[in-house]
């Protein structure tokens, strides 16, 4: 049987997750509102 308490104490989050989080917050990502605004401007 696994000792879940023991396993939880050994858990360390992946560094990749933290790196991705920082990259996402630093990027200027377009959302649907921005995309729709661009499409509306192109159709004028």
N, C-alpha and C. Protein backbone atom coordinates (compact mmCIF):
# COMPACT_ATOMS: atom_id res chain seq x y z
N UNK A 1 0.83 -1.18 0.00
CA UNK A 1 0.00 0.00 0.00
C UNK A 1 0.88 1.25 0.00
N UNK A 2 0.35 2.26 -0.60
CA UNK A 2 1.04 3.54 -0.60
C UNK A 2 0.72 4.30 0.67
N UNK A 3 1.71 4.97 1.18
CA UNK A 3 1.50 5.88 2.31
C UNK A 3 1.34 7.28 1.70
N UNK A 4 0.09 7.70 1.57
CA UNK A 4 -0.20 8.96 0.87
C UNK A 4 0.39 10.17 1.58
N UNK A 5 0.40 10.17 2.87
CA UNK A 5 0.99 11.29 3.62
C UNK A 5 2.48 11.41 3.29
N UNK A 6 3.16 10.28 3.25
CA UNK A 6 4.59 10.27 2.94
C UNK A 6 4.83 10.75 1.51
N UNK A 7 4.01 10.28 0.59
CA UNK A 7 4.15 10.68 -0.81
C UNK A 7 3.87 12.17 -1.00
N UNK A 8 2.87 12.69 -0.31
CA UNK A 8 2.57 14.12 -0.41
C UNK A 8 3.71 14.99 0.10
N UNK A 9 4.40 14.53 1.12
CA UNK A 9 5.54 15.29 1.64
C UNK A 9 6.67 15.35 0.63
N UNK A 10 6.81 14.33 -0.21
CA UNK A 10 7.87 14.30 -1.22
C UNK A 10 7.51 15.09 -2.48
N UNK A 11 6.25 15.49 -2.61
CA UNK A 11 5.78 16.15 -3.83
C UNK A 11 6.42 17.52 -4.01
N UNK A 12 6.90 17.77 -5.23
CA UNK A 12 7.42 19.08 -5.60
C UNK A 12 6.82 19.42 -6.96
N UNK A 13 6.25 20.62 -7.10
CA UNK A 13 5.65 20.98 -8.39
C UNK A 13 6.70 21.04 -9.50
N UNK A 14 6.26 20.75 -10.68
CA UNK A 14 7.15 20.78 -11.84
C UNK A 14 7.59 22.21 -12.12
N UNK A 15 8.87 22.36 -12.42
CA UNK A 15 9.37 23.69 -12.77
C UNK A 15 8.77 24.18 -14.08
N UNK A 16 8.42 23.25 -14.94
CA UNK A 16 7.86 23.64 -16.23
C UNK A 16 6.56 24.42 -16.05
N UNK A 17 5.76 24.03 -15.09
CA UNK A 17 4.49 24.71 -14.84
C UNK A 17 4.74 26.16 -14.44
N UNK A 18 5.69 26.38 -13.57
CA UNK A 18 6.01 27.73 -13.15
C UNK A 18 6.55 28.56 -14.33
N UNK A 19 7.38 27.95 -15.16
CA UNK A 19 7.92 28.65 -16.32
C UNK A 19 6.81 29.04 -17.29
N UNK A 20 5.89 28.13 -17.51
CA UNK A 20 4.78 28.41 -18.42
C UNK A 20 3.91 29.53 -17.86
N UNK A 21 3.65 29.48 -16.57
CA UNK A 21 2.83 30.51 -15.93
C UNK A 21 3.45 31.89 -16.14
N UNK A 22 4.75 32.01 -15.91
CA UNK A 22 5.43 33.30 -16.09
C UNK A 22 5.36 33.75 -17.55
N UNK A 23 5.56 32.84 -18.48
CA UNK A 23 5.54 33.18 -19.89
C UNK A 23 4.16 33.65 -20.32
N UNK A 24 3.12 33.01 -19.82
CA UNK A 24 1.75 33.40 -20.19
C UNK A 24 1.43 34.79 -19.67
N UNK A 25 1.82 35.08 -18.44
CA UNK A 25 1.53 36.39 -17.89
C UNK A 25 2.33 37.50 -18.56
N UNK A 26 3.50 37.19 -19.09
CA UNK A 26 4.33 38.20 -19.73
C UNK A 26 3.90 38.48 -21.16
N UNK A 27 3.28 37.52 -21.82
CA UNK A 27 2.86 37.70 -23.20
C UNK A 27 1.60 38.54 -23.28
N UNK A 28 1.48 39.29 -24.36
CA UNK A 28 0.27 40.06 -24.61
C UNK A 28 -0.61 39.21 -25.52
N UNK A 29 -1.42 38.36 -24.92
CA UNK A 29 -2.23 37.42 -25.68
C UNK A 29 -3.55 38.05 -26.09
N UNK A 30 -3.96 37.77 -27.30
CA UNK A 30 -5.24 38.28 -27.78
C UNK A 30 -6.37 37.41 -27.25
N UNK A 31 -7.46 38.06 -26.86
CA UNK A 31 -8.64 37.29 -26.47
C UNK A 31 -9.70 37.46 -27.56
N UNK A 32 -10.85 36.88 -27.37
CA UNK A 32 -11.89 36.93 -28.41
C UNK A 32 -12.31 38.36 -28.72
N UNK A 33 -12.34 39.22 -27.72
CA UNK A 33 -12.72 40.61 -27.95
C UNK A 33 -11.74 41.28 -28.90
N UNK A 34 -10.44 41.05 -28.68
CA UNK A 34 -9.42 41.64 -29.55
C UNK A 34 -9.54 41.10 -30.98
N UNK A 35 -9.78 39.80 -31.10
CA UNK A 35 -9.91 39.19 -32.43
C UNK A 35 -11.13 39.72 -33.17
N UNK A 36 -12.24 39.85 -32.48
CA UNK A 36 -13.45 40.38 -33.12
C UNK A 36 -13.26 41.83 -33.53
N UNK A 37 -12.56 42.60 -32.71
CA UNK A 37 -12.28 44.00 -33.04
C UNK A 37 -11.45 44.08 -34.33
N UNK A 38 -10.45 43.20 -34.46
CA UNK A 38 -9.61 43.18 -35.65
C UNK A 38 -10.43 42.82 -36.89
N UNK A 39 -11.30 41.84 -36.77
CA UNK A 39 -12.13 41.43 -37.89
C UNK A 39 -13.07 42.55 -38.31
N UNK A 40 -13.64 43.24 -37.34
CA UNK A 40 -14.55 44.35 -37.64
C UNK A 40 -13.81 45.48 -38.34
N UNK A 41 -12.59 45.76 -37.93
CA UNK A 41 -11.79 46.80 -38.56
C UNK A 41 -11.42 46.43 -39.99
N UNK A 42 -11.16 45.14 -40.23
CA UNK A 42 -10.78 44.70 -41.57
C UNK A 42 -11.98 44.74 -42.54
N UNK A 43 -13.17 44.57 -42.03
CA UNK A 43 -14.33 44.58 -42.91
C UNK A 43 -14.78 45.98 -43.28
N UNK A 44 -14.29 47.00 -42.60
CA UNK A 44 -14.67 48.39 -42.91
C UNK A 44 -13.96 48.88 -44.15
